[in-house]
Amino acid sequence: MKRDLHNDEGMATVEYALVTVAAAGFAGLLVVILKSDEVRGLLMGILRGALGT
């Protein structure tokens, strides 16, 4: 019985799972960053400047 060392069956599923985990981690990091007072103030300043208020 010959063993196939180059069997890619299931690789797409693994790749999708890894990308999903990475995206969830990145989203969590963005939430933490955006909750900081400094970033919130900076974003509010940008919005005020853009709206001209």
C-alpha atoms as a PDB file:
ATOM      1  CA  MET A   1       0.000   0.000   0.000  1.00  0.00           C
ATOM      2  CA  LYS A   2       1.503   3.310  -1.100  1.00  0.00           C
ATOM      3  CA  ARG A   3       0.988   6.290   1.189  1.00  0.00           C
ATOM      4  CA  ASP A   4       0.137   9.599  -0.494  1.00  0.00           C
ATOM      5  CA  LEU A   5       2.223  12.322   1.168  1.00  0.00           C
ATOM      6  CA  HIS A   6       0.713  15.107  -0.936  1.00  0.00           C
ATOM      7  CA  ASN A   7      -2.966  14.683  -0.119  1.00  0.00           C
ATOM      8  CA  ASP A   8      -4.515  18.153   0.091  1.00  0.00           C
ATOM      9  CA  GLU A   9      -7.985  16.946   1.040  1.00  0.00           C
ATOM     10  CA  GLY A  10      -9.489  19.288   3.642  1.00  0.00           C
ATOM     11  CA  MET A  11      -6.934  22.063   3.142  1.00  0.00           C
ATOM     12  CA  ALA A  12      -9.523  24.639   2.061  1.00  0.00           C
ATOM     13  CA  THR A  13     -11.482  24.020   5.244  1.00  0.00           C
ATOM     14  CA  VAL A  14      -8.388  24.484   7.380  1.00  0.00           C
ATOM     15  CA  GLU A  15      -7.463  27.673   5.548  1.00  0.00           C
ATOM     16  CA  TYR A  16     -10.951  29.107   6.026  1.00  0.00           C
ATOM     17  CA  ALA A  17     -10.843  28.215   9.719  1.00  0.00           C
ATOM     18  CA  LEU A  18      -7.457  29.902  10.188  1.00  0.00           C
ATOM     19  CA  VAL A  19      -8.589  33.046   8.378  1.00  0.00           C
ATOM     20  CA  THR A  20     -11.759  33.157  10.491  1.00  0.00           C
ATOM     21  CA  VAL A  21      -9.773  32.853  13.723  1.00  0.00           C
ATOM     22  CA  ALA A  22      -7.335  35.534  12.567  1.00  0.00           C
ATOM     23  CA  ALA A  23     -10.206  37.873  11.615  1.00  0.00           C
ATOM     24  CA  ALA A  24     -11.865  37.355  14.995  1.00  0.00           C
ATOM     25  CA  GLY A  25      -8.591  38.126  16.767  1.00  0.00           C
ATOM     26  CA  PHE A  26      -8.098  41.268  14.692  1.00  0.00           C
ATOM     27  CA  ALA A  27     -11.668  42.386  15.422  1.00  0.00           C
ATOM     28  CA  GLY A  28     -11.071  41.863  19.140  1.00  0.00           C
ATOM     29  CA  LEU A  29      -7.910  43.941  18.960  1.00  0.00           C
ATOM     30  CA  LEU A  30      -9.782  46.743  17.172  1.00  0.00           C
ATOM     31  CA  VAL A  31     -12.463  46.729  19.862  1.00  0.00           C
ATOM     32  CA  VAL A  32      -9.822  47.097  22.571  1.00  0.00           C
ATOM     33  CA  ILE A  33      -8.080  49.919  20.690  1.00  0.00           C
ATOM     34  CA  LEU A  34     -11.295  51.798  19.915  1.00  0.00           C
ATOM     35  CA  LYS A  35     -12.440  51.666  23.543  1.00  0.00           C
ATOM     36  CA  SER A  36      -9.476  53.737  24.700  1.00  0.00           C
ATOM     37  CA  ASP A  37     -10.230  57.365  25.559  1.00  0.00           C
ATOM     38  CA  GLU A  38      -7.371  58.732  23.449  1.00  0.00           C
ATOM     39  CA  VAL A  39      -8.536  57.004  20.280  1.00  0.00           C
ATOM     40  CA  ARG A  40     -12.167  57.941  20.947  1.00  0.00           C
ATOM     41  CA  GLY A  41     -11.176  61.602  21.351  1.00  0.00           C
ATOM     42  CA  LEU A  42      -9.112  61.501  18.180  1.00  0.00           C
ATOM     43  CA  LEU A  43     -11.974  59.988  16.186  1.00  0.00           C
ATOM     44  CA  MET A  44     -14.453  62.509  17.587  1.00  0.00           C
ATOM     45  CA  GLY A  45     -12.086  65.326  16.581  1.00  0.00           C
ATOM     46  CA  ILE A  46     -11.884  63.966  13.055  1.00  0.00           C
ATOM     47  CA  LEU A  47     -15.677  63.706  12.842  1.00  0.00           C
ATOM     48  CA  ARG A  48     -16.173  67.226  14.195  1.00  0.00           C
ATOM     49  CA  GLY A  49     -13.671  68.591  11.705  1.00  0.00           C
ATOM     50  CA  ALA A  50     -15.325  66.715   8.841  1.00  0.00           C
ATOM     51  CA  LEU A  51     -18.788  67.931   9.800  1.00  0.00           C
ATOM     52  CA  GLY A  52     -17.599  71.462  10.421  1.00  0.00           C
ATOM     53  CA  THR A  53     -19.007  71.769  13.949  1.00  0.00           C
END
